[in-house]
């Protein structure tokens, strides 16, 4: 499948030029940077997580602080994930954290629960319930620009019975989520042009028949966009290109598609070429904090926008060879990290574990990701 031309996704808090990488601000913050930093890196939107936010700082606190935009100081678009992946990564992997029912998720707080001054022992006994209806209610109350329906996420290698059940549950939950969304926007009297978009997630693991069944059922219900559901990598860490591409082919081109959890630069480019529009992951910022910085090997000029051959490289800033280097991390980066500071200074900050390194390195990898999508858009144009 050939990628479609670059376009703009219009949301109530602003526009997102697609393809776009949206950094993960899981708990309302992209770690080590603020909203002004994000804007300076030309980030156009972020992804936050309902499952985690409802626990910390808690929904009543978010509302008391004016919603996610005001609380975080981020004026641009916010996508809120529903919690479906957390059901997989926590509950399906370890039943002590909770269980799935037809109603939704029942789980114990993560890491001792919300920070409310209560003891961790008391918090550990508290249980939360997240239903398809509640996740929509919460996301709307948070002021989200893209609401994602609750889904039942599975591992790609799970058995067919588990995949079939996950598809059935995902479709049922999406239908309930859509009904609740319509009730809520009607009750809140939200004008059509101010309503957040509603996305559903396509599950089915590695079984194409179930992916098709899920996609067709969700398209019949009707949503503004869709996400690829499930961990996007195989056991060896390779992108599941075949099933990811097949899932995109199931959805008409006019609907935006979010490659949920895809954030490695190579995988972003590969998924774009398969037709995906939005990408998110904590990997680029996490790598930055651990000293792995992304770099282009070629300038952006040219018909291929410098995205052919071995276009991606890494600088491991903790390596001793950078101790006395006066060179920037990248000659093609216009972020503060590379305009003002040398590899040698960043190496020093990294070795003394100074918080300034976390900020500068995060800025660099974020700008790399937005430069990557800019290069892709110039190539598509």
Protein backbone atom coordinates (compact mmCIF):
# COMPACT_ATOMS: atom_id res chain seq x y z
CA UNK A 1 0.00 0.00 0.00
CA UNK A 2 1.32 3.42 -0.95
CA UNK A 3 1.09 6.19 1.66
CA UNK A 4 -1.45 8.91 1.06
CA UNK A 5 -0.33 12.53 0.63
CA UNK A 6 0.38 14.52 3.78
CA UNK A 7 -2.70 16.23 5.21
CA UNK A 8 -3.99 17.96 8.32
CA UNK A 9 -6.05 16.46 11.12
CA UNK A 10 -8.27 19.22 12.51
CA UNK A 11 -8.95 18.96 16.23
CA UNK A 12 -10.62 21.37 18.62
CA UNK A 13 -7.31 22.33 20.28
CA UNK A 14 -5.44 22.79 17.03
CA UNK A 15 -4.27 21.11 13.87
CA UNK A 16 -1.92 18.17 13.49
CA UNK A 17 -0.04 17.76 10.24
CA UNK A 18 0.14 14.06 9.47
CA UNK A 19 2.13 11.96 9.60
CA UNK A 20 2.88 13.05 13.16
CA UNK A 21 4.75 11.60 16.10
CA UNK A 22 3.00 12.30 19.40
CA UNK A 23 5.25 11.82 22.45
CA UNK A 24 3.83 9.96 25.42
CA UNK A 25 2.87 12.20 28.33
CA UNK A 26 1.38 9.24 30.17
CA UNK A 27 0.78 10.95 33.51
CA UNK A 28 0.25 14.43 32.09
CA UNK A 29 3.92 15.22 31.43
CA UNK A 30 6.61 14.33 28.91
CA UNK A 31 9.29 13.61 31.45
CA UNK A 32 12.01 16.26 31.94
CA UNK A 33 10.48 18.90 29.65
CA UNK A 34 7.64 21.42 29.81
CA UNK A 35 5.04 22.56 27.32
CA UNK A 36 7.22 25.42 26.03
CA UNK A 37 9.96 22.87 25.31
CA UNK A 38 7.49 20.74 23.38
CA UNK A 39 6.44 23.69 21.26
CA UNK A 40 10.09 24.62 20.61
CA UNK A 41 10.61 21.06 19.30
CA UNK A 42 7.57 21.53 17.01
CA UNK A 43 5.58 18.82 18.74
CA UNK A 44 1.96 19.16 17.63
CA UNK A 45 0.22 16.82 20.04
CA UNK A 46 0.78 14.42 22.94
CA UNK A 47 -0.72 11.15 24.17
CA UNK A 48 -1.88 10.79 27.77
CA UNK A 49 -3.29 7.71 29.48
CA UNK A 50 -6.68 7.44 31.16
CA UNK A 51 -5.81 4.24 33.06
CA UNK A 52 -2.91 5.95 34.83
CA UNK A 53 -4.38 9.45 35.16
CA UNK A 54 -7.53 8.24 36.90
CA UNK A 55 -5.22 6.95 39.64
CA UNK A 56 -2.59 9.69 39.71
CA UNK A 57 -3.35 12.51 40.20
CA UNK A 58 -6.98 11.28 40.09
CA UNK A 59 -9.96 12.45 38.09
CA UNK A 60 -11.31 14.86 40.71
CA UNK A 61 -7.89 16.54 40.90
CA UNK A 62 -7.66 16.84 37.11
CA UNK A 63 -11.08 18.48 37.00
CA UNK A 64 -10.21 20.78 39.94
CA UNK A 65 -7.12 21.89 38.01
CA UNK A 66 -9.17 22.70 34.91
CA UNK A 67 -8.66 19.60 32.79
CA UNK A 68 -5.57 18.16 31.16
CA UNK A 69 -4.73 21.18 28.99
CA UNK A 70 -4.80 23.68 31.82
CA UNK A 71 -3.22 21.32 34.35
CA UNK A 72 -0.25 20.51 32.12
CA UNK A 73 0.06 23.92 30.47
CA UNK A 74 -0.11 22.24 27.06
CA UNK A 75 -2.50 24.10 24.74
CA UNK A 76 -2.26 21.75 21.76
CA UNK A 77 -4.08 18.53 20.90
CA UNK A 78 -4.20 15.73 23.46
CA UNK A 79 -5.01 12.11 22.61
CA UNK A 80 -6.07 10.04 25.61
CA UNK A 81 -5.53 6.31 25.42
CA UNK A 82 -8.24 4.28 27.11
CA UNK A 83 -6.38 1.70 29.18
CA UNK A 84 -6.78 -1.30 26.88
CA UNK A 85 -3.05 -1.85 26.55
CA UNK A 86 -2.64 -1.70 30.33
CA UNK A 87 -5.21 -4.48 30.61
CA UNK A 88 -2.84 -6.56 28.50
CA UNK A 89 0.50 -5.47 29.95
CA UNK A 90 -0.60 -5.71 33.58
CA UNK A 91 -3.77 -7.72 34.06
CA UNK A 92 -3.31 -10.35 31.35
CA UNK A 93 0.31 -10.81 32.35
CA UNK A 94 -0.34 -11.02 36.09
CA UNK A 95 -3.78 -11.71 37.52
CA UNK A 96 -2.83 -10.24 40.92
CA UNK A 97 -3.31 -6.77 39.41
CA UNK A 98 -6.96 -7.41 38.51
CA UNK A 99 -9.22 -9.13 36.02
CA UNK A 100 -11.35 -8.55 32.94
CA UNK A 101 -15.12 -8.95 32.92
CA UNK A 102 -17.82 -8.26 30.37
CA UNK A 103 -18.32 -4.93 32.13
CA UNK A 104 -14.67 -3.84 31.80
CA UNK A 105 -11.51 -3.89 33.91
CA UNK A 106 -11.24 -4.35 37.66
CA UNK A 107 -7.77 -3.57 38.95
CA UNK A 108 -5.71 -2.47 41.91
CA UNK A 109 -3.81 0.82 41.82
CA UNK A 110 -0.40 0.81 40.19
CA UNK A 111 2.59 1.62 42.43
CA UNK A 112 0.48 2.22 45.53
CA UNK A 113 -2.31 4.22 43.87
CA UNK A 114 -2.96 7.91 43.71
CA UNK A 115 -0.88 10.29 45.80
CA UNK A 116 -3.42 11.36 48.36
CA UNK A 117 -1.53 10.98 51.61
CA UNK A 118 -3.07 7.64 52.43
CA UNK A 119 -0.78 4.77 53.28
CA UNK A 120 0.25 2.37 50.54
CA UNK A 121 -1.28 -0.46 52.58
CA UNK A 122 -4.69 1.17 52.46
CA UNK A 123 -4.30 2.08 48.79
CA UNK A 124 -3.25 -1.47 47.92
CA UNK A 125 -6.70 -2.68 49.02
CA UNK A 126 -8.53 -0.16 46.86
CA UNK A 127 -9.92 -1.42 43.56
CA UNK A 128 -10.84 0.54 40.47
CA UNK A 129 -13.31 -0.34 37.76
CA UNK A 130 -12.89 0.95 34.24
CA UNK A 131 -15.82 0.26 31.93
CA UNK A 132 -16.27 1.29 28.28
CA UNK A 133 -18.69 3.96 29.47
CA UNK A 134 -16.49 5.27 32.26
CA UNK A 135 -13.39 5.65 30.10
CA UNK A 136 -15.37 7.80 27.65
CA UNK A 137 -16.82 9.86 30.50
CA UNK A 138 -13.38 10.44 31.97
CA UNK A 139 -11.74 11.36 28.68
CA UNK A 140 -14.46 13.89 27.92
CA UNK A 141 -14.18 15.37 31.41
CA UNK A 142 -10.41 15.66 30.97
CA UNK A 143 -10.87 17.73 27.80
CA UNK A 144 -9.33 15.23 25.39
CA UNK A 145 -9.19 16.02 21.67
CA UNK A 146 -9.18 12.36 20.61
CA UNK A 147 -11.08 9.85 22.76
CA UNK A 148 -10.11 6.19 22.35
CA UNK A 149 -12.58 3.41 23.14
CA UNK A 150 -11.66 0.69 25.61
CA UNK A 151 -10.37 -2.45 23.90
CA UNK A 152 -9.26 -5.95 24.90
CA UNK A 153 -5.60 -6.14 23.90
CA UNK A 154 -3.88 -9.50 23.34
CA UNK A 155 -0.41 -10.72 22.47
CA UNK A 156 0.09 -11.45 18.79
CA UNK A 157 1.01 -15.06 19.60
CA UNK A 158 -2.01 -15.74 21.82
CA UNK A 159 -4.20 -18.67 20.79
CA UNK A 160 -7.13 -18.35 18.41
CA UNK A 161 -9.74 -18.75 21.12
CA UNK A 162 -8.24 -15.86 23.07
CA UNK A 163 -8.02 -13.70 19.94
CA UNK A 164 -11.61 -14.47 18.97
CA UNK A 165 -12.84 -13.57 22.45
CA UNK A 166 -10.80 -10.35 22.46
CA UNK A 167 -12.33 -9.28 19.14
CA UNK A 168 -15.85 -10.00 20.39
CA UNK A 169 -15.22 -8.03 23.58
CA UNK A 170 -13.46 -5.17 21.77
CA UNK A 171 -16.38 -4.72 19.39
CA UNK A 172 -18.94 -4.90 22.21
CA UNK A 173 -16.99 -2.38 24.28
CA UNK A 174 -16.57 -0.06 21.28
CA UNK A 175 -20.32 -0.11 20.64
CA UNK A 176 -20.98 0.79 24.27
CA UNK A 177 -18.29 3.46 24.14
CA UNK A 178 -19.86 5.02 21.05
CA UNK A 179 -23.31 5.04 22.67
CA UNK A 180 -21.92 6.70 25.79
CA UNK A 181 -20.00 9.24 23.71
CA UNK A 182 -23.20 10.26 21.91
CA UNK A 183 -25.06 10.52 25.23
CA UNK A 184 -22.32 12.62 26.77
CA UNK A 185 -21.88 15.11 23.93
CA UNK A 186 -25.67 15.53 23.81
CA UNK A 187 -25.96 16.05 27.58
CA UNK A 188 -23.00 18.44 27.61
CA UNK A 189 -24.45 20.25 24.55
CA UNK A 190 -21.07 20.16 22.81
CA UNK A 191 -21.37 21.71 19.32
CA UNK A 192 -20.39 19.49 16.40
CA UNK A 193 -17.29 21.54 15.62
CA UNK A 194 -16.12 21.30 19.26
CA UNK A 195 -16.55 17.59 19.76
CA UNK A 196 -13.47 15.43 20.22
CA UNK A 197 -12.89 12.69 17.69
CA UNK A 198 -13.73 9.14 18.71
CA UNK A 199 -11.32 6.33 17.74
CA UNK A 200 -11.77 2.57 18.04
CA UNK A 201 -8.97 0.00 18.18
CA UNK A 202 -8.70 -2.96 15.81
CA UNK A 203 -7.67 -6.18 17.55
CA UNK A 204 -7.24 -9.73 16.30
CA UNK A 205 -3.61 -10.54 17.03
CA UNK A 206 -1.80 -12.21 14.14
CA UNK A 207 -4.96 -13.81 12.68
CA UNK A 208 -6.02 -11.92 9.56
CA UNK A 209 -9.55 -13.32 9.69
CA UNK A 210 -10.09 -11.84 13.15
CA UNK A 211 -8.50 -8.52 12.17
CA UNK A 212 -10.93 -8.32 9.25
CA UNK A 213 -13.89 -9.28 11.43
CA UNK A 214 -12.95 -6.63 14.00
CA UNK A 215 -12.38 -3.88 11.43
CA UNK A 216 -15.63 -4.57 9.57
CA UNK A 217 -17.66 -4.55 12.79
CA UNK A 218 -16.09 -1.29 13.97
CA UNK A 219 -16.60 0.36 10.58
CA UNK A 220 -20.27 -0.61 10.74
CA UNK A 221 -20.61 1.04 14.18
CA UNK A 222 -18.88 4.17 12.86
CA UNK A 223 -15.88 6.05 14.24
CA UNK A 224 -13.75 9.05 13.30
CA UNK A 225 -10.53 7.05 13.16
CA UNK A 226 -8.92 3.79 14.19
CA UNK A 227 -5.88 2.44 15.95
CA UNK A 228 -3.79 -0.64 15.38
CA UNK A 229 -4.27 -2.72 18.51
CA UNK A 230 -1.77 -5.06 20.09
CA UNK A 231 1.98 -4.99 20.60
CA UNK A 232 3.44 -4.06 17.17
CA UNK A 233 6.63 -6.14 17.48
CA UNK A 234 7.34 -9.87 17.37
CA UNK A 235 9.33 -11.80 19.97
CA UNK A 236 12.63 -10.74 18.36
CA UNK A 237 11.68 -7.06 18.33
CA UNK A 238 10.96 -6.90 14.58
CA UNK A 239 8.00 -4.88 13.30
CA UNK A 240 4.95 -6.99 12.44
CA UNK A 241 4.81 -5.38 8.99
CA UNK A 242 2.54 -7.99 7.40
CA UNK A 243 -0.30 -7.82 9.93
CA UNK A 244 0.13 -4.07 10.46
CA UNK A 245 -0.10 -3.45 6.71
CA UNK A 246 -3.07 -5.80 6.36
CA UNK A 247 -4.92 -4.01 9.16
CA UNK A 248 -4.44 -0.66 7.41
CA UNK A 249 -5.83 -2.10 4.17
CA UNK A 250 -9.05 -3.01 5.98
CA UNK A 251 -9.85 0.65 6.69
CA UNK A 252 -10.83 3.16 3.96
CA UNK A 253 -8.19 5.77 3.30
CA UNK A 254 -10.30 8.70 4.48
CA UNK A 255 -10.06 7.50 8.09
CA UNK A 256 -6.90 8.39 10.03
CA UNK A 257 -5.02 5.43 11.48
CA UNK A 258 -2.91 5.51 14.65
CA UNK A 259 -0.05 3.03 14.93
CA UNK A 260 -0.37 2.76 18.70
CA UNK A 261 2.94 2.17 20.46
CA UNK A 262 5.10 2.61 17.34
CA UNK A 263 7.98 5.00 18.03
CA UNK A 264 11.27 3.58 16.77
CA UNK A 265 12.30 5.84 13.85
CA UNK A 266 12.69 2.93 11.42
CA UNK A 267 9.25 1.63 12.38
CA UNK A 268 7.62 5.05 12.08
CA UNK A 269 8.89 5.34 8.50
CA UNK A 270 7.86 1.76 7.71
CA UNK A 271 4.34 2.23 9.12
CA UNK A 272 3.93 5.52 7.28
CA UNK A 273 4.74 3.70 4.06
CA UNK A 274 2.02 1.21 5.01
CA UNK A 275 -0.47 4.09 5.28
CA UNK A 276 -0.48 5.10 8.95
CA UNK A 277 -0.85 8.72 10.07
CA UNK A 278 -0.19 8.96 13.83
CA UNK A 279 2.50 7.39 16.00
CA UNK A 280 3.27 7.44 19.70
CA UNK A 281 5.75 5.84 22.06
CA UNK A 282 7.77 6.55 25.19
CA UNK A 283 10.84 5.02 23.53
CA UNK A 284 12.47 8.18 22.04
CA UNK A 285 12.31 10.11 25.31
CA UNK A 286 13.25 7.08 27.40
CA UNK A 287 16.25 6.42 25.14
CA UNK A 288 17.29 10.06 25.52
CA UNK A 289 17.30 9.86 29.30
CA UNK A 290 19.49 6.75 29.09
CA UNK A 291 22.00 8.39 26.76
CA UNK A 292 20.99 7.04 23.33
CA UNK A 293 20.51 9.99 20.98
CA UNK A 294 19.10 9.67 17.46
CA UNK A 295 20.87 11.27 14.48
CA UNK A 296 20.38 11.53 10.73
CA UNK A 297 23.31 10.48 8.58
CA UNK A 298 22.31 12.71 5.66
CA UNK A 299 20.88 16.21 5.19
CA UNK A 300 17.17 16.62 4.40
CA UNK A 301 17.77 17.93 0.89
CA UNK A 302 16.94 15.77 -2.11
CA UNK A 303 13.92 13.96 -3.50
CA UNK A 304 14.19 11.20 -0.89
CA UNK A 305 14.50 13.72 1.99
CA UNK A 306 17.55 11.87 3.27
CA UNK A 307 15.50 8.78 4.20
CA UNK A 308 17.16 6.13 2.05
CA UNK A 309 19.92 3.70 2.83
CA UNK A 310 21.42 3.84 6.32
CA UNK A 311 19.76 7.12 7.22
CA UNK A 312 19.55 6.54 11.02
CA UNK A 313 22.43 6.44 13.48
CA UNK A 314 22.89 6.69 17.26
CA UNK A 315 25.17 8.64 19.55
CA UNK A 316 25.78 6.88 22.85
CA UNK A 317 26.72 9.95 24.82
CA UNK A 318 28.17 8.01 27.76
CA UNK A 319 30.99 6.61 25.58
CA UNK A 320 34.43 7.89 26.56
CA UNK A 321 35.20 8.95 22.97
CA UNK A 322 32.91 11.95 23.51
CA UNK A 323 34.79 13.31 26.55
CA UNK A 324 36.62 16.08 24.68
CA UNK A 325 34.43 16.37 21.60
CA UNK A 326 33.47 19.92 20.60
CA UNK A 327 31.02 18.64 18.00
CA UNK A 328 27.24 18.85 18.47
CA UNK A 329 25.30 15.63 18.68
CA UNK A 330 24.05 16.26 15.13
CA UNK A 331 24.90 18.81 12.46
CA UNK A 332 21.31 18.57 11.21
CA UNK A 333 19.58 19.31 14.53
CA UNK A 334 18.28 22.79 15.40
CA UNK A 335 17.28 21.98 18.99
CA UNK A 336 18.88 23.73 21.95
CA UNK A 337 20.94 20.63 22.69
CA UNK A 338 22.87 20.90 19.41
CA UNK A 339 22.81 24.67 18.84
CA UNK A 340 24.44 25.55 22.15
CA UNK A 341 26.17 22.49 23.61
CA UNK A 342 28.87 20.01 22.64
CA UNK A 343 29.00 16.24 22.92
CA UNK A 344 31.76 16.69 25.50
CA UNK A 345 29.57 18.84 27.74
CA UNK A 346 26.61 16.49 27.39
CA UNK A 347 28.89 13.57 28.26
CA UNK A 348 29.93 15.47 31.38
CA UNK A 349 26.32 16.15 32.39
CA UNK A 350 25.44 12.51 31.79
CA UNK A 351 28.32 11.25 33.92
CA UNK A 352 27.53 13.53 36.86
CA UNK A 353 23.84 12.62 36.58
CA UNK A 354 22.71 16.23 36.30
CA UNK A 355 19.06 16.89 35.52
CA UNK A 356 20.04 19.31 32.73
CA UNK A 357 21.18 16.32 30.69
CA UNK A 358 17.70 14.80 30.89
CA UNK A 359 16.14 17.95 29.48
CA UNK A 360 18.68 18.57 26.71
CA UNK A 361 18.76 14.94 25.58
CA UNK A 362 14.96 14.73 25.58
CA UNK A 363 14.74 17.91 23.51
CA UNK A 364 17.16 16.41 21.00
CA UNK A 365 15.28 13.13 20.48
CA UNK A 366 11.93 14.91 20.34
CA UNK A 367 13.22 17.28 17.69
CA UNK A 368 14.65 14.33 15.79
CA UNK A 369 11.20 12.72 15.71
CA UNK A 370 9.49 15.90 14.52
CA UNK A 371 12.24 16.38 11.93
CA UNK A 372 11.61 12.82 10.78
CA UNK A 373 7.94 13.51 10.16
CA UNK A 374 8.83 16.82 8.48
CA UNK A 375 11.16 14.95 6.12
CA UNK A 376 8.43 12.41 5.41
CA UNK A 377 5.93 15.17 4.63
CA UNK A 378 8.39 16.94 2.33
CA UNK A 379 8.94 13.66 0.52
CA UNK A 380 5.18 13.08 0.20
CA UNK A 381 4.63 16.63 -1.03
